[in-house]
């Protein structure tokens, strides 16, 4: 069994061809199908690492049912 040669493409120069779903490092045209419909992957995938504090805020429920009763009593 033969394996394709592994290649390293930095995220800032990685482009996804939306026609054939191949990833290449040319921003002008796809190296596989010569399409010019390319998406720069760093715009989609490059993000700041999530900190522990922001992870905690995401896990806190945003709706507290017991608070609704208090607000309803205050409005009435």
PDB file of N, CA and C in Angstrom:
ATOM      1  N   UNK A   1       0.845  -1.177   0.000  1.00  0.00           N
ATOM      2  CA  UNK A   1       0.000   0.000   0.000  1.00  0.00           C
ATOM      3  C   UNK A   1       0.889   1.239   0.000  1.00  0.00           C
ATOM      4  N   UNK A   2       0.576   2.164  -0.861  1.00  0.00           N
ATOM      5  CA  UNK A   2       1.350   3.398  -0.911  1.00  0.00           C
ATOM      6  C   UNK A   2       0.564   4.520  -0.242  1.00  0.00           C
ATOM      7  N   UNK A   3       1.269   5.423   0.364  1.00  0.00           N
ATOM      8  CA  UNK A   3       0.660   6.564   1.026  1.00  0.00           C
ATOM      9  C   UNK A   3       1.100   7.839   0.329  1.00  0.00           C
ATOM     10  N   UNK A   4       0.200   8.807   0.207  1.00  0.00           N
ATOM     11  CA  UNK A   4       0.606  10.071  -0.398  1.00  0.00           C
ATOM     12  C   UNK A   4       1.605  10.795   0.503  1.00  0.00           C
ATOM     13  N   UNK A   5       2.474  11.567  -0.112  1.00  0.00           N
ATOM     14  CA  UNK A   5       3.461  12.310   0.646  1.00  0.00           C
ATOM     15  C   UNK A   5       2.756  13.401   1.464  1.00  0.00           C
ATOM     16  N   UNK A   6       3.032  13.458   2.749  1.00  0.00           N
ATOM     17  CA  UNK A   6       2.417  14.449   3.617  1.00  0.00           C
ATOM     18  C   UNK A   6       3.035  15.810   3.341  1.00  0.00           C
ATOM     19  N   UNK A   7       2.198  16.829   3.340  1.00  0.00           N
ATOM     20  CA  UNK A   7       2.679  18.177   3.108  1.00  0.00           C
ATOM     21  C   UNK A   7       2.199  19.082   4.229  1.00  0.00           C
ATOM     22  N   UNK A   8       2.996  20.082   4.499  1.00  0.00           N
ATOM     23  CA  UNK A   8       2.671  21.063   5.533  1.00  0.00           C
ATOM     24  C   UNK A   8       2.293  22.367   4.846  1.00  0.00           C
ATOM     25  N   UNK A   9       1.067  22.833   5.090  1.00  0.00           N
ATOM     26  CA  UNK A   9       0.614  24.109   4.541  1.00  0.00           C
ATOM     27  C   UNK A   9       0.199  24.978   5.715  1.00  0.00           C
ATOM     28  N   UNK A  10       0.885  26.092   5.941  1.00  0.00           N
ATOM     29  CA  UNK A  10       0.476  26.991   7.031  1.00  0.00           C
ATOM     30  C   UNK A  10      -0.954  27.489   6.811  1.00  0.00           C
ATOM     31  N   UNK A  11      -1.676  27.706   7.892  1.00  0.00           N
ATOM     32  CA  UNK A  11      -3.076  28.097   7.805  1.00  0.00           C
ATOM     33  C   UNK A  11      -3.267  29.401   7.034  1.00  0.00           C
ATOM     34  N   UNK A  12      -2.356  30.338   7.186  1.00  0.00           N
ATOM     35  CA  UNK A  12      -2.496  31.630   6.507  1.00  0.00           C
ATOM     36  C   UNK A  12      -2.401  31.498   4.995  1.00  0.00           C
ATOM     37  N   UNK A  13      -1.791  30.432   4.500  1.00  0.00           N
ATOM     38  CA  UNK A  13      -1.689  30.249   3.052  1.00  0.00           C
ATOM     39  C   UNK A  13      -2.458  29.020   2.569  1.00  0.00           C
ATOM     40  N   UNK A  14      -3.412  28.550   3.352  1.00  0.00           N
ATOM     41  CA  UNK A  14      -4.226  27.397   2.965  1.00  0.00           C
ATOM     42  C   UNK A  14      -5.547  27.881   2.370  1.00  0.00           C
ATOM     43  N   UNK A  15      -5.855  27.398   1.188  1.00  0.00           N
ATOM     44  CA  UNK A  15      -7.074  27.778   0.480  1.00  0.00           C
ATOM     45  C   UNK A  15      -7.874  26.536   0.135  1.00  0.00           C
ATOM     46  N   UNK A  16      -9.175  26.569   0.404  1.00  0.00           N
ATOM     47  CA  UNK A  16     -10.077  25.470   0.102  1.00  0.00           C
ATOM     48  C   UNK A  16     -10.776  25.762  -1.211  1.00  0.00           C
ATOM     49  N   UNK A  17     -10.679  24.836  -2.144  1.00  0.00           N
ATOM     50  CA  UNK A  17     -11.395  24.966  -3.410  1.00  0.00           C
ATOM     51  C   UNK A  17     -12.837  24.553  -3.176  1.00  0.00           C
ATOM     52  N   UNK A  18     -13.765  25.425  -3.508  1.00  0.00           N
ATOM     53  CA  UNK A  18     -15.169  25.138  -3.276  1.00  0.00           C
ATOM     54  C   UNK A  18     -15.782  24.297  -4.385  1.00  0.00           C
ATOM     55  N   UNK A  19     -15.017  24.043  -5.438  1.00  0.00           N
ATOM     56  CA  UNK A  19     -15.506  23.178  -6.514  1.00  0.00           C
ATOM     57  C   UNK A  19     -15.131  21.716  -6.287  1.00  0.00           C
ATOM     58  N   UNK A  20     -13.872  21.455  -5.899  1.00  0.00           N
ATOM     59  CA  UNK A  20     -13.438  20.061  -5.764  1.00  0.00           C
ATOM     60  C   UNK A  20     -13.055  19.673  -4.330  1.00  0.00           C
ATOM     61  N   UNK A  21     -13.225  20.598  -3.354  1.00  0.00           N
ATOM     62  CA  UNK A  21     -12.934  20.338  -1.943  1.00  0.00           C
ATOM     63  C   UNK A  21     -11.498  19.924  -1.676  1.00  0.00           C
ATOM     64  N   UNK A  22     -10.560  20.463  -2.432  1.00  0.00           N
ATOM     65  CA  UNK A  22      -9.136  20.226  -2.193  1.00  0.00           C
ATOM     66  C   UNK A  22      -8.538  21.450  -1.511  1.00  0.00           C
ATOM     67  N   UNK A  23      -7.487  21.239  -0.749  1.00  0.00           N
ATOM     68  CA  UNK A  23      -6.794  22.335  -0.091  1.00  0.00           C
ATOM     69  C   UNK A  23      -5.440  22.508  -0.758  1.00  0.00           C
ATOM     70  N   UNK A  24      -5.132  23.747  -1.092  1.00  0.00           N
ATOM     71  CA  UNK A  24      -3.849  24.062  -1.705  1.00  0.00           C
ATOM     72  C   UNK A  24      -3.299  25.348  -1.127  1.00  0.00           C
ATOM     73  N   UNK A  25      -2.129  25.749  -1.605  1.00  0.00           N
ATOM     74  CA  UNK A  25      -1.509  26.959  -1.087  1.00  0.00           C
ATOM     75  C   UNK A  25      -1.408  28.063  -2.146  1.00  0.00           C
ATOM     76  N   UNK A  26      -2.162  27.961  -3.195  1.00  0.00           N
ATOM     77  CA  UNK A  26      -2.178  28.975  -4.240  1.00  0.00           C
ATOM     78  C   UNK A  26      -3.474  29.769  -4.123  1.00  0.00           C
ATOM     79  N   UNK A  27      -3.371  31.098  -4.040  1.00  0.00           N
ATOM     80  CA  UNK A  27      -4.587  31.897  -3.872  1.00  0.00           C
ATOM     81  C   UNK A  27      -5.228  32.297  -5.192  1.00  0.00           C
ATOM     82  N   UNK A  28      -4.570  32.024  -6.303  1.00  0.00           N
ATOM     83  CA  UNK A  28      -5.100  32.397  -7.615  1.00  0.00           C
ATOM     84  C   UNK A  28      -6.037  31.336  -8.190  1.00  0.00           C
ATOM     85  N   UNK A  29      -5.607  30.059  -8.129  1.00  0.00           N
ATOM     86  CA  UNK A  29      -6.433  28.976  -8.657  1.00  0.00           C
ATOM     87  C   UNK A  29      -6.074  27.667  -7.974  1.00  0.00           C
ATOM     88  N   UNK A  30      -7.022  26.748  -7.965  1.00  0.00           N
ATOM     89  CA  UNK A  30      -6.847  25.445  -7.326  1.00  0.00           C
ATOM     90  C   UNK A  30      -5.802  24.631  -8.093  1.00  0.00           C
ATOM     91  N   UNK A  31      -4.835  24.041  -7.408  1.00  0.00           N
ATOM     92  CA  UNK A  31      -3.837  23.225  -8.104  1.00  0.00           C
ATOM     93  C   UNK A  31      -4.404  21.916  -8.658  1.00  0.00           C
ATOM     94  N   UNK A  32      -5.568  21.492  -8.160  1.00  0.00           N
ATOM     95  CA  UNK A  32      -6.147  20.230  -8.619  1.00  0.00           C
ATOM     96  C   UNK A  32      -7.056  20.406  -9.828  1.00  0.00           C
ATOM     97  N   UNK A  33      -7.937  21.439  -9.790  1.00  0.00           N
ATOM     98  CA  UNK A  33      -8.927  21.570 -10.870  1.00  0.00           C
ATOM     99  C   UNK A  33      -8.871  22.919 -11.594  1.00  0.00           C
ATOM    100  N   UNK A  34      -7.982  23.800 -11.193  1.00  0.00           N
ATOM    101  CA  UNK A  34      -7.780  25.119 -11.802  1.00  0.00           C
ATOM    102  C   UNK A  34      -8.960  26.067 -11.600  1.00  0.00           C
ATOM    103  N   UNK A  35      -9.816  25.791 -10.627  1.00  0.00           N
ATOM    104  CA  UNK A  35     -10.931  26.677 -10.323  1.00  0.00           C
ATOM    105  C   UNK A  35     -10.416  27.917  -9.591  1.00  0.00           C
ATOM    106  N   UNK A  36     -11.125  29.009  -9.731  1.00  0.00           N
ATOM    107  CA  UNK A  36     -10.734  30.227  -9.027  1.00  0.00           C
ATOM    108  C   UNK A  36     -11.659  30.519  -7.835  1.00  0.00           C
ATOM    109  N   UNK A  37     -12.539  29.583  -7.493  1.00  0.00           N
ATOM    110  CA  UNK A  37     -13.462  29.746  -6.374  1.00  0.00           C
ATOM    111  C   UNK A  37     -12.792  29.177  -5.123  1.00  0.00           C
ATOM    112  N   UNK A  38     -12.016  30.035  -4.446  1.00  0.00           N
ATOM    113  CA  UNK A  38     -11.222  29.594  -3.309  1.00  0.00           C
ATOM    114  C   UNK A  38     -11.619  30.336  -2.045  1.00  0.00           C
ATOM    115  N   UNK A  39     -11.481  29.665  -0.913  1.00  0.00           N
ATOM    116  CA  UNK A  39     -11.782  30.231   0.390  1.00  0.00           C
ATOM    117  C   UNK A  39     -10.525  30.163   1.246  1.00  0.00           C
ATOM    118  N   UNK A  40     -10.069  31.312   1.732  1.00  0.00           N
ATOM    119  CA  UNK A  40      -8.903  31.340   2.612  1.00  0.00           C
ATOM    120  C   UNK A  40      -9.309  30.756   3.963  1.00  0.00           C
ATOM    121  N   UNK A  41      -8.686  29.670   4.369  1.00  0.00           N
ATOM    122  CA  UNK A  41      -9.084  28.972   5.587  1.00  0.00           C
ATOM    123  C   UNK A  41      -8.722  29.723   6.856  1.00  0.00           C
ATOM    124  N   UNK A  42      -7.740  30.610   6.812  1.00  0.00           N
ATOM    125  CA  UNK A  42      -7.385  31.345   8.024  1.00  0.00           C
ATOM    126  C   UNK A  42      -8.501  32.302   8.427  1.00  0.00           C
ATOM    127  N   UNK A  43      -9.296  32.767   7.480  1.00  0.00           N
ATOM    128  CA  UNK A  43     -10.430  33.639   7.814  1.00  0.00           C
ATOM    129  C   UNK A  43     -11.492  32.885   8.603  1.00  0.00           C
ATOM    130  N   UNK A  44     -11.591  31.592   8.386  1.00  0.00           N
ATOM    131  CA  UNK A  44     -12.630  30.787   9.023  1.00  0.00           C
ATOM    132  C   UNK A  44     -12.109  30.080  10.274  1.00  0.00           C
ATOM    133  N   UNK A  45     -10.896  29.544  10.212  1.00  0.00           N
ATOM    134  CA  UNK A  45     -10.407  28.674  11.280  1.00  0.00           C
ATOM    135  C   UNK A  45      -9.488  29.348  12.291  1.00  0.00           C
ATOM    136  N   UNK A  46      -8.866  30.457  11.936  1.00  0.00           N
ATOM    137  CA  UNK A  46      -7.917  31.104  12.834  1.00  0.00           C
ATOM    138  C   UNK A  46      -8.680  31.886  13.898  1.00  0.00           C
ATOM    139  N   UNK A  47      -8.512  31.515  15.141  1.00  0.00           N
ATOM    140  CA  UNK A  47      -9.198  32.182  16.241  1.00  0.00           C
ATOM    141  C   UNK A  47      -8.313  32.160  17.476  1.00  0.00           C
ATOM    142  N   UNK A  48      -8.677  33.001  18.417  1.00  0.00           N
ATOM    143  CA  UNK A  48      -7.939  33.064  19.669  1.00  0.00           C
ATOM    144  C   UNK A  48      -8.255  31.827  20.512  1.00  0.00           C
ATOM    145  N   UNK A  49      -7.274  31.319  21.252  1.00  0.00           N
ATOM    146  CA  UNK A  49      -7.555  30.179  22.128  1.00  0.00           C
ATOM    147  C   UNK A  49      -8.567  30.563  23.196  1.00  0.00           C
ATOM    148  N   UNK A  50      -9.434  29.622  23.533  1.00  0.00           N
ATOM    149  CA  UNK A  50     -10.467  29.869  24.529  1.00  0.00           C
ATOM    150  C   UNK A  50      -9.860  29.824  25.912  1.00  0.00           C
ATOM    151  N   UNK A  51     -10.145  30.821  26.728  1.00  0.00           N
ATOM    152  CA  UNK A  51      -9.624  30.848  28.091  1.00  0.00           C
ATOM    153  C   UNK A  51     -10.584  30.138  29.029  1.00  0.00           C
ATOM    154  N   UNK A  52     -10.124  29.835  30.220  1.00  0.00           N
ATOM    155  CA  UNK A  52     -10.956  29.143  31.200  1.00  0.00           C
ATOM    156  C   UNK A  52     -12.127  30.019  31.622  1.00  0.00           C
ATOM    157  N   UNK A  53     -11.918  31.332  31.733  1.00  0.00           N
ATOM    158  CA  UNK A  53     -12.994  32.238  32.155  1.00  0.00           C
ATOM    159  C   UNK A  53     -14.113  32.283  31.119  1.00  0.00           C
ATOM    160  N   UNK A  54     -13.764  32.337  29.841  1.00  0.00           N
ATOM    161  CA  UNK A  54     -14.806  32.387  28.822  1.00  0.00           C
ATOM    162  C   UNK A  54     -15.512  31.042  28.705  1.00  0.00           C
ATOM    163  N   UNK A  55     -14.833  29.957  28.995  1.00  0.00           N
ATOM    164  CA  UNK A  55     -15.469  28.639  28.962  1.00  0.00           C
ATOM    165  C   UNK A  55     -16.506  28.523  30.083  1.00  0.00           C
ATOM    166  N   UNK A  56     -16.222  29.136  31.238  1.00  0.00           N
ATOM    167  CA  UNK A  56     -17.173  29.097  32.349  1.00  0.00           C
ATOM    168  C   UNK A  56     -18.421  29.907  32.028  1.00  0.00           C
ATOM    169  N   UNK A  57     -18.261  31.045  31.376  1.00  0.00           N
ATOM    170  CA  UNK A  57     -19.424  31.873  31.073  1.00  0.00           C
ATOM    171  C   UNK A  57     -20.322  31.199  30.043  1.00  0.00           C
ATOM    172  N   UNK A  58     -19.759  30.368  29.176  1.00  0.00           N
ATOM    173  CA  UNK A  58     -20.568  29.669  28.203  1.00  0.00           C
ATOM    174  C   UNK A  58     -21.393  28.562  28.840  1.00  0.00           C
ATOM    175  N   UNK A  59     -20.911  27.999  29.962  1.00  0.00           N
ATOM    176  CA  UNK A  59     -21.620  26.890  30.580  1.00  0.00           C
ATOM    177  C   UNK A  59     -22.693  27.359  31.559  1.00  0.00           C
ATOM    178  N   UNK A  60     -22.736  28.649  31.893  1.00  0.00           N
ATOM    179  CA  UNK A  60     -23.738  29.174  32.819  1.00  0.00           C
ATOM    180  C   UNK A  60     -25.060  29.336  32.084  1.00  0.00           C
ATOM    181  N   UNK A  61     -26.161  28.843  32.643  1.00  0.00           N
ATOM    182  CA  UNK A  61     -27.459  29.001  31.979  1.00  0.00           C
ATOM    183  C   UNK A  61     -27.815  30.480  31.837  1.00  0.00           C
ATOM    184  N   UNK A  62     -28.408  30.830  30.728  1.00  0.00           N
ATOM    185  CA  UNK A  62     -28.760  32.219  30.476  1.00  0.00           C
ATOM    186  C   UNK A  62     -30.161  32.546  30.976  1.00  0.00           C
ATOM    187  N   UNK A  63     -30.968  31.564  31.270  1.00  0.00           N
ATOM    188  CA  UNK A  63     -32.345  31.789  31.682  1.00  0.00           C
ATOM    189  C   UNK A  63     -32.562  31.156  33.041  1.00  0.00           C
ATOM    190  N   UNK A  64     -33.031  31.944  33.976  1.00  0.00           N
ATOM    191  CA  UNK A  64     -33.300  31.450  35.320  1.00  0.00           C
ATOM    192  C   UNK A  64     -34.800  31.532  35.567  1.00  0.00           C
ATOM    193  N   UNK A  65     -35.524  30.413  35.597  1.00  0.00           N
ATOM    194  CA  UNK A  65     -36.977  30.434  35.741  1.00  0.00           C
ATOM    195  C   UNK A  65     -37.454  31.073  37.042  1.00  0.00           C
ATOM    196  N   UNK A  66     -36.687  30.970  38.140  1.00  0.00           N
ATOM    197  CA  UNK A  66     -37.129  31.537  39.408  1.00  0.00           C
ATOM    198  C   UNK A  66     -37.132  33.068  39.375  1.00  0.00           C
ATOM    199  N   UNK A  67     -36.362  33.684  38.505  1.00  0.00           N
ATOM    200  CA  UNK A  67     -36.326  35.140  38.402  1.00  0.00           C
ATOM    201  C   UNK A  67     -37.557  35.683  37.699  1.00  0.00           C
ATOM    202  N   UNK A  68     -38.198  34.901  36.871  1.00  0.00           N
ATOM    203  CA  UNK A  68     -39.367  35.356  36.121  1.00  0.00           C
ATOM    204  C   UNK A  68     -40.519  35.640  37.069  1.00  0.00           C
ATOM    205  N   UNK A  69     -40.699  34.833  38.089  1.00  0.00           N
ATOM    206  CA  UNK A  69     -41.764  35.055  39.060  1.00  0.00           C
ATOM    207  C   UNK A  69     -41.598  36.383  39.775  1.00  0.00           C
ATOM    208  N   UNK A  70     -40.369  36.718  40.155  1.00  0.00           N
ATOM    209  CA  UNK A  70     -40.114  37.987  40.826  1.00  0.00           C
ATOM    210  C   UNK A  70     -40.413  39.161  39.901  1.00  0.00           C
ATOM    211  N   UNK A  71     -40.013  39.062  38.638  1.00  0.00           N
ATOM    212  CA  UNK A  71     -40.249  40.145  37.696  1.00  0.00           C
ATOM    213  C   UNK A  71     -41.748  40.299  37.406  1.00  0.00           C
ATOM    214  N   UNK A  72     -42.473  39.194  37.326  1.00  0.00           N
ATOM    215  CA  UNK A  72     -43.908  39.255  37.078  1.00  0.00           C
ATOM    216  C   UNK A  72     -44.629  39.935  38.247  1.00  0.00           C
ATOM    217  N   UNK A  73     -44.202  39.650  39.453  1.00  0.00           N
ATOM    218  CA  UNK A  73     -44.810  40.268  40.631  1.00  0.00           C
ATOM    219  C   UNK A  73     -44.514  41.767  40.662  1.00  0.00           C
ATOM    220  N   UNK A  74     -43.340  42.167  40.212  1.00  0.00           N
ATOM    221  CA  UNK A  74     -42.969  43.577  40.227  1.00  0.00           C
ATOM    222  C   UNK A  74     -43.764  44.355  39.173  1.00  0.00           C
ATOM    223  N   UNK A  75     -44.082  43.744  38.034  1.00  0.00           N
ATOM    224  CA  UNK A  75     -44.803  44.407  36.958  1.00  0.00           C
ATOM    225  C   UNK A  75     -46.276  44.544  37.316  1.00  0.00           C
ATOM    226  N   UNK A  76     -46.835  43.531  37.983  1.00  0.00           N
ATOM    227  CA  UNK A  76     -48.279  43.523  38.305  1.00  0.00           C
ATOM    228  C   UNK A  76     -48.594  44.452  39.402  1.00  0.00           C
TER     229      UNK A  76
END
